[in-house]
Amino acid sequence: MSQTLKKAKGMDAVLPVKQLVDSFYAQEGRYPSSLDELIAKNYVKQIPPPPKGYTYTYTPSTGDVGLEQTSQ
């Protein structure tokens, strides 16, 4: 798979999670301390799974969501 296509698929996975984080911020006035807090506060039943071979990265101080390739 081309690098551009992988990046596009990655953005498709990150966008809904980022929208949840932004919604949390709008309601709570702060970013969640972890992605699990989105579940605990009933913003979502479960975090959408990242693409195969990746895991989400999350920075609570800025609300940034990204992907990191897992070692296989």
PDB file of N, CA and C in Angstrom:
ATOM      1  N   MET A   1       0.854  -1.176   0.000  1.00  0.00           N
ATOM      2  CA  MET A   1       0.000   0.000   0.000  1.00  0.00           C
ATOM      3  C   MET A   1       0.897   1.233   0.000  1.00  0.00           C
ATOM      4  N   SER A   2       0.543   2.223  -0.773  1.00  0.00           N
ATOM      5  CA  SER A   2       1.382   3.417  -0.857  1.00  0.00           C
ATOM      6  C   SER A   2       1.340   4.196   0.453  1.00  0.00           C
ATOM      7  N   GLN A   3       2.392   4.944   0.705  1.00  0.00           N
ATOM      8  CA  GLN A   3       2.492   5.730   1.932  1.00  0.00           C
ATOM      9  C   GLN A   3       1.369   6.760   2.004  1.00  0.00           C
ATOM     10  N   THR A   4       0.998   7.360   0.879  1.00  0.00           N
ATOM     11  CA  THR A   4      -0.065   8.362   0.857  1.00  0.00           C
ATOM     12  C   THR A   4      -1.400   7.741   1.247  1.00  0.00           C
ATOM     13  N   LEU A   5      -1.684   6.555   0.727  1.00  0.00           N
ATOM     14  CA  LEU A   5      -2.933   5.868   1.057  1.00  0.00           C
ATOM     15  C   LEU A   5      -2.956   5.484   2.532  1.00  0.00           C
ATOM     16  N   LYS A   6      -1.838   5.022   3.058  1.00  0.00           N
ATOM     17  CA  LYS A   6      -1.765   4.684   4.485  1.00  0.00           C
ATOM     18  C   LYS A   6      -2.043   5.909   5.339  1.00  0.00           C
ATOM     19  N   LYS A   7      -1.463   7.042   4.947  1.00  0.00           N
ATOM     20  CA  LYS A   7      -1.658   8.273   5.702  1.00  0.00           C
ATOM     21  C   LYS A   7      -3.118   8.710   5.656  1.00  0.00           C
ATOM     22  N   ALA A   8      -3.749   8.579   4.506  1.00  0.00           N
ATOM     23  CA  ALA A   8      -5.166   8.938   4.371  1.00  0.00           C
ATOM     24  C   ALA A   8      -6.038   8.047   5.242  1.00  0.00           C
ATOM     25  N   LYS A   9      -5.765   6.749   5.241  1.00  0.00           N
ATOM     26  CA  LYS A   9      -6.532   5.828   6.083  1.00  0.00           C
ATOM     27  C   LYS A   9      -6.307   6.156   7.555  1.00  0.00           C
ATOM     28  N   GLY A  10      -5.110   6.537   7.895  1.00  0.00           N
ATOM     29  CA  GLY A  10      -4.811   6.927   9.264  1.00  0.00           C
ATOM     30  C   GLY A  10      -5.601   8.154   9.690  1.00  0.00           C
ATOM     31  N   MET A  11      -5.694   9.132   8.814  1.00  0.00           N
ATOM     32  CA  MET A  11      -6.460  10.333   9.126  1.00  0.00           C
ATOM     33  C   MET A  11      -7.942  10.002   9.275  1.00  0.00           C
ATOM     34  N   ASP A  12      -8.436   9.072   8.479  1.00  0.00           N
ATOM     35  CA  ASP A  12      -9.830   8.631   8.607  1.00  0.00           C
ATOM     36  C   ASP A  12     -10.086   8.037   9.981  1.00  0.00           C
ATOM     37  N   ALA A  13      -9.099   7.380  10.555  1.00  0.00           N
ATOM     38  CA  ALA A  13      -9.238   6.776  11.882  1.00  0.00           C
ATOM     39  C   ALA A  13      -9.116   7.825  12.986  1.00  0.00           C
ATOM     40  N   VAL A  14      -8.228   8.782  12.808  1.00  0.00           N
ATOM     41  CA  VAL A  14      -7.965   9.779  13.841  1.00  0.00           C
ATOM     42  C   VAL A  14      -9.091  10.806  13.939  1.00  0.00           C
ATOM     43  N   LEU A  15      -9.680  11.189  12.831  1.00  0.00           N
ATOM     44  CA  LEU A  15     -10.665  12.266  12.819  1.00  0.00           C
ATOM     45  C   LEU A  15     -11.832  12.046  13.782  1.00  0.00           C
ATOM     46  N   PRO A  16     -12.485  10.878  13.800  1.00  0.00           N
ATOM     47  CA  PRO A  16     -13.598  10.718  14.752  1.00  0.00           C
ATOM     48  C   PRO A  16     -13.145  10.798  16.216  1.00  0.00           C
ATOM     49  N   VAL A  17     -11.953  10.312  16.499  1.00  0.00           N
ATOM     50  CA  VAL A  17     -11.448  10.375  17.874  1.00  0.00           C
ATOM     51  C   VAL A  17     -11.159  11.830  18.243  1.00  0.00           C
ATOM     52  N   LYS A  18     -10.568  12.575  17.335  1.00  0.00           N
ATOM     53  CA  LYS A  18     -10.291  13.990  17.574  1.00  0.00           C
ATOM     54  C   LYS A  18     -11.591  14.763  17.781  1.00  0.00           C
ATOM     55  N   GLN A  19     -12.632  14.417  17.040  1.00  0.00           N
ATOM     56  CA  GLN A  19     -13.923  15.089  17.207  1.00  0.00           C
ATOM     57  C   GLN A  19     -14.502  14.807  18.599  1.00  0.00           C
ATOM     58  N   LEU A  20     -14.319  13.593  19.097  1.00  0.00           N
ATOM     59  CA  LEU A  20     -14.770  13.263  20.454  1.00  0.00           C
ATOM     60  C   LEU A  20     -14.005  14.085  21.492  1.00  0.00           C
ATOM     61  N   VAL A  21     -12.700  14.194  21.306  1.00  0.00           N
ATOM     62  CA  VAL A  21     -11.864  14.983  22.212  1.00  0.00           C
ATOM     63  C   VAL A  21     -12.312  16.446  22.195  1.00  0.00           C
ATOM     64  N   ASP A  22     -12.577  16.985  21.006  1.00  0.00           N
ATOM     65  CA  ASP A  22     -13.011  18.379  20.884  1.00  0.00           C
ATOM     66  C   ASP A  22     -14.386  18.593  21.508  1.00  0.00           C
ATOM     67  N   SER A  23     -15.263  17.620  21.363  1.00  0.00           N
ATOM     68  CA  SER A  23     -16.587  17.697  21.984  1.00  0.00           C
ATOM     69  C   SER A  23     -16.462  17.701  23.511  1.00  0.00           C
ATOM     70  N   PHE A  24     -15.611  16.844  24.025  1.00  0.00           N
ATOM     71  CA  PHE A  24     -15.338  16.808  25.464  1.00  0.00           C
ATOM     72  C   PHE A  24     -14.846  18.177  25.922  1.00  0.00           C
ATOM     73  N   TYR A  25     -13.905  18.747  25.183  1.00  0.00           N
ATOM     74  CA  TYR A  25     -13.342  20.047  25.536  1.00  0.00           C
ATOM     75  C   TYR A  25     -14.427  21.125  25.567  1.00  0.00           C
ATOM     76  N   ALA A  26     -15.307  21.105  24.578  1.00  0.00           N
ATOM     77  CA  ALA A  26     -16.381  22.104  24.503  1.00  0.00           C
ATOM     78  C   ALA A  26     -17.332  21.986  25.696  1.00  0.00           C
ATOM     79  N   GLN A  27     -17.592  20.770  26.129  1.00  0.00           N
ATOM     80  CA  GLN A  27     -18.516  20.544  27.241  1.00  0.00           C
ATOM     81  C   GLN A  27     -17.862  20.727  28.615  1.00  0.00           C
ATOM     82  N   GLU A  28     -16.642  20.242  28.751  1.00  0.00           N
ATOM     83  CA  GLU A  28     -15.989  20.193  30.061  1.00  0.00           C
ATOM     84  C   GLU A  28     -15.019  21.346  30.316  1.00  0.00           C
ATOM     85  N   GLY A  29     -14.609  22.040  29.252  1.00  0.00           N
ATOM     86  CA  GLY A  29     -13.670  23.142  29.420  1.00  0.00           C
ATOM     87  C   GLY A  29     -12.226  22.700  29.590  1.00  0.00           C
ATOM     88  N   ARG A  30     -11.968  21.426  29.335  1.00  0.00           N
ATOM     89  CA  ARG A  30     -10.618  20.878  29.410  1.00  0.00           C
ATOM     90  C   ARG A  30     -10.567  19.649  28.518  1.00  0.00           C
ATOM     91  N   TYR A  31      -9.350  19.220  28.200  1.00  0.00           N
ATOM     92  CA  TYR A  31      -9.204  17.986  27.431  1.00  0.00           C
ATOM     93  C   TYR A  31      -9.278  16.801  28.391  1.00  0.00           C
ATOM     94  N   PRO A  32      -9.757  15.660  27.907  1.00  0.00           N
ATOM     95  CA  PRO A  32      -9.785  14.484  28.784  1.00  0.00           C
ATOM     96  C   PRO A  32      -8.374  14.085  29.200  1.00  0.00           C
ATOM     97  N   SER A  33      -8.265  13.510  30.390  1.00  0.00           N
ATOM     98  CA  SER A  33      -6.939  13.100  30.881  1.00  0.00           C
ATOM     99  C   SER A  33      -6.412  11.906  30.098  1.00  0.00           C
ATOM    100  N   SER A  34      -7.314  11.133  29.503  1.00  0.00           N
ATOM    101  CA  SER A  34      -6.940  10.019  28.632  1.00  0.00           C
ATOM    102  C   SER A  34      -8.119   9.744  27.705  1.00  0.00           C
ATOM    103  N   LEU A  35      -7.885   8.957  26.671  1.00  0.00           N
ATOM    104  CA  LEU A  35      -8.988   8.605  25.780  1.00  0.00           C
ATOM    105  C   LEU A  35     -10.021   7.767  26.516  1.00  0.00           C
ATOM    106  N   ASP A  36      -9.605   7.029  27.529  1.00  0.00           N
ATOM    107  CA  ASP A  36     -10.536   6.232  28.323  1.00  0.00           C
ATOM    108  C   ASP A  36     -11.552   7.097  29.063  1.00  0.00           C
ATOM    109  N   GLU A  37     -11.196   8.339  29.348  1.00  0.00           N
ATOM    110  CA  GLU A  37     -12.140   9.225  30.025  1.00  0.00           C
ATOM    111  C   GLU A  37     -13.344   9.533  29.133  1.00  0.00           C
ATOM    112  N   LEU A  38     -13.163   9.476  27.830  1.00  0.00           N
ATOM    113  CA  LEU A  38     -14.296   9.659  26.912  1.00  0.00           C
ATOM    114  C   LEU A  38     -15.346   8.570  27.133  1.00  0.00           C
ATOM    115  N   ILE A  39     -14.892   7.372  27.451  1.00  0.00           N
ATOM    116  CA  ILE A  39     -15.795   6.253  27.737  1.00  0.00           C
ATOM    117  C   ILE A  39     -16.405   6.442  29.130  1.00  0.00           C
ATOM    118  N   ALA A  40     -15.577   6.764  30.105  1.00  0.00           N
ATOM    119  CA  ALA A  40     -16.036   6.919  31.491  1.00  0.00           C
ATOM    120  C   ALA A  40     -17.102   8.007  31.622  1.00  0.00           C
ATOM    121  N   LYS A  41     -16.992   9.071  30.828  1.00  0.00           N
ATOM    122  CA  LYS A  41     -17.947  10.181  30.894  1.00  0.00           C
ATOM    123  C   LYS A  41     -19.072  10.034  29.865  1.00  0.00           C
ATOM    124  N   ASN A  42     -19.165   8.857  29.255  1.00  0.00           N
ATOM    125  CA  ASN A  42     -20.257   8.527  28.321  1.00  0.00           C
ATOM    126  C   ASN A  42     -20.302   9.382  27.051  1.00  0.00           C
ATOM    127  N   TYR A  43     -19.145   9.795  26.586  1.00  0.00           N
ATOM    128  CA  TYR A  43     -19.093  10.463  25.286  1.00  0.00           C
ATOM    129  C   TYR A  43     -19.156   9.441  24.159  1.00  0.00           C
ATOM    130  N   VAL A  44     -18.736   8.226  24.457  1.00  0.00           N
ATOM    131  CA  VAL A  44     -18.723   7.134  23.483  1.00  0.00           C
ATOM    132  C   VAL A  44     -18.675   5.816  24.267  1.00  0.00           C
ATOM    133  N   LYS A  45     -19.251   4.754  23.678  1.00  0.00           N
ATOM    134  CA  LYS A  45     -19.225   3.445  24.346  1.00  0.00           C
ATOM    135  C   LYS A  45     -17.853   2.795  24.256  1.00  0.00           C
ATOM    136  N   GLN A  46     -17.184   2.997  23.117  1.00  0.00           N
ATOM    137  CA  GLN A  46     -15.816   2.507  22.953  1.00  0.00           C
ATOM    138  C   GLN A  46     -15.101   3.380  21.933  1.00  0.00           C
ATOM    139  N   ILE A  47     -13.805   3.474  22.084  1.00  0.00           N
ATOM    140  CA  ILE A  47     -12.984   4.233  21.132  1.00  0.00           C
ATOM    141  C   ILE A  47     -12.899   3.408  19.857  1.00  0.00           C
ATOM    142  N   PRO A  48     -13.163   4.029  18.695  1.00  0.00           N
ATOM    143  CA  PRO A  48     -13.024   3.280  17.441  1.00  0.00           C
ATOM    144  C   PRO A  48     -11.615   2.702  17.332  1.00  0.00           C
ATOM    145  N   PRO A  49     -11.497   1.473  16.884  1.00  0.00           N
ATOM    146  CA  PRO A  49     -10.165   0.857  16.827  1.00  0.00           C
ATOM    147  C   PRO A  49      -9.269   1.540  15.788  1.00  0.00           C
ATOM    148  N   PRO A  50      -7.978   1.656  16.095  1.00  0.00           N
ATOM    149  CA  PRO A  50      -7.047   2.229  15.118  1.00  0.00           C
ATOM    150  C   PRO A  50      -6.812   1.225  13.995  1.00  0.00           C
ATOM    151  N   PRO A  51      -6.252   1.682  12.874  1.00  0.00           N
ATOM    152  CA  PRO A  51      -5.924   0.749  11.791  1.00  0.00           C
ATOM    153  C   PRO A  51      -4.967  -0.343  12.286  1.00  0.00           C
ATOM    154  N   LYS A  52      -5.021  -1.471  11.647  1.00  0.00           N
ATOM    155  CA  LYS A  52      -4.165  -2.595  12.020  1.00  0.00           C
ATOM    156  C   LYS A  52      -2.693  -2.173  11.971  1.00  0.00           C
ATOM    157  N   GLY A  53      -1.973  -2.534  13.011  1.00  0.00           N
ATOM    158  CA  GLY A  53      -0.551  -2.205  13.078  1.00  0.00           C
ATOM    159  C   GLY A  53      -0.260  -0.843  13.683  1.00  0.00           C
ATOM    160  N   TYR A  54      -1.296  -0.164  14.183  1.00  0.00           N
ATOM    161  CA  TYR A  54      -1.128   1.167  14.764  1.00  0.00           C
ATOM    162  C   TYR A  54      -1.806   1.240  16.124  1.00  0.00           C
ATOM    163  N   THR A  55      -1.405   2.219  16.907  1.00  0.00           N
ATOM    164  CA  THR A  55      -2.054   2.541  18.164  1.00  0.00           C
ATOM    165  C   THR A  55      -2.231   4.057  18.202  1.00  0.00           C
ATOM    166  N   TYR A  56      -3.223   4.503  18.946  1.00  0.00           N
ATOM    167  CA  TYR A  56      -3.431   5.941  19.069  1.00  0.00           C
ATOM    168  C   TYR A  56      -2.401   6.537  20.021  1.00  0.00           C
ATOM    169  N   THR A  57      -2.004   7.758  19.722  1.00  0.00           N
ATOM    170  CA  THR A  57      -1.234   8.560  20.663  1.00  0.00           C
ATOM    171  C   THR A  57      -2.151   9.708  21.072  1.00  0.00           C
ATOM    172  N   TYR A  58      -2.021  10.148  22.292  1.00  0.00           N
ATOM    173  CA  TYR A  58      -2.877  11.229  22.785  1.00  0.00           C
ATOM    174  C   TYR A  58      -2.087  12.080  23.758  1.00  0.00           C
ATOM    175  N   THR A  59      -2.197  13.400  23.593  1.00  0.00           N
ATOM    176  CA  THR A  59      -1.532  14.354  24.467  1.00  0.00           C
ATOM    177  C   THR A  59      -2.599  15.147  25.217  1.00  0.00           C
ATOM    178  N   PRO A  60      -2.828  14.846  26.496  1.00  0.00           N
ATOM    179  CA  PRO A  60      -3.898  15.503  27.240  1.00  0.00           C
ATOM    180  C   PRO A  60      -3.755  17.023  27.368  1.00  0.00           C
ATOM    181  N   SER A  61      -2.551  17.530  27.375  1.00  0.00           N
ATOM    182  CA  SER A  61      -2.359  18.977  27.550  1.00  0.00           C
ATOM    183  C   SER A  61      -2.806  19.777  26.328  1.00  0.00           C
ATOM    184  N   THR A  62      -2.786  19.139  25.148  1.00  0.00           N
ATOM    185  CA  THR A  62      -3.150  19.855  23.921  1.00  0.00           C
ATOM    186  C   THR A  62      -4.355  19.253  23.203  1.00  0.00           C
ATOM    187  N   GLY A  63      -4.743  18.032  23.568  1.00  0.00           N
ATOM    188  CA  GLY A  63      -5.845  17.362  22.882  1.00  0.00           C
ATOM    189  C   GLY A  63      -5.454  16.749  21.550  1.00  0.00           C
ATOM    190  N   ASP A  64      -4.157  16.690  21.272  1.00  0.00           N
ATOM    191  CA  ASP A  64      -3.696  16.121  20.002  1.00  0.00           C
ATOM    192  C   ASP A  64      -3.865  14.605  19.990  1.00  0.00           C
ATOM    193  N   VAL A  65      -4.419  14.108  18.886  1.00  0.00           N
ATOM    194  CA  VAL A  65      -4.582  12.670  18.679  1.00  0.00           C
ATOM    195  C   VAL A  65      -3.797  12.302  17.433  1.00  0.00           C
ATOM    196  N   GLY A  66      -3.059  11.211  17.499  1.00  0.00           N
ATOM    197  CA  GLY A  66      -2.277  10.766  16.353  1.00  0.00           C
ATOM    198  C   GLY A  66      -2.212   9.256  16.310  1.00  0.00           C
ATOM    199  N   LEU A  67      -1.422   8.756  15.398  1.00  0.00           N
ATOM    200  CA  LEU A  67      -1.205   7.326  15.266  1.00  0.00           C
ATOM    201  C   LEU A  67       0.280   7.031  15.352  1.00  0.00           C
ATOM    202  N   GLU A  68       0.584   5.893  15.939  1.00  0.00           N
ATOM    203  CA  GLU A  68       1.959   5.429  16.017  1.00  0.00           C
ATOM    204  C   GLU A  68       1.981   3.971  15.569  1.00  0.00           C
ATOM    205  N   GLN A  69       2.920   3.673  14.696  1.00  0.00           N
ATOM    206  CA  GLN A  69       3.029   2.306  14.217  1.00  0.00           C
ATOM    207  C   GLN A  69       3.554   1.407  15.333  1.00  0.00           C
ATOM    208  N   THR A  70       2.918   0.274  15.518  1.00  0.00           N
ATOM    209  CA  THR A  70       3.356  -0.673  16.539  1.00  0.00           C
ATOM    210  C   THR A  70       4.415  -1.573  15.952  1.00  0.00           C
ATOM    211  N   SER A  71       5.298  -2.011  16.793  1.00  0.00           N
ATOM    212  CA  SER A  71       6.335  -2.941  16.322  1.00  0.00           C
ATOM    213  C   SER A  71       5.710  -4.319  16.145  1.00  0.00           C
ATOM    214  N   GLN A  72       6.035  -4.958  15.050  1.00  0.00           N
ATOM    215  CA  GLN A  72       5.432  -6.263  14.758  1.00  0.00           C
ATOM    216  C   GLN A  72       6.474  -7.320  14.648  1.00  0.00           C
TER     217      GLN A  72
END
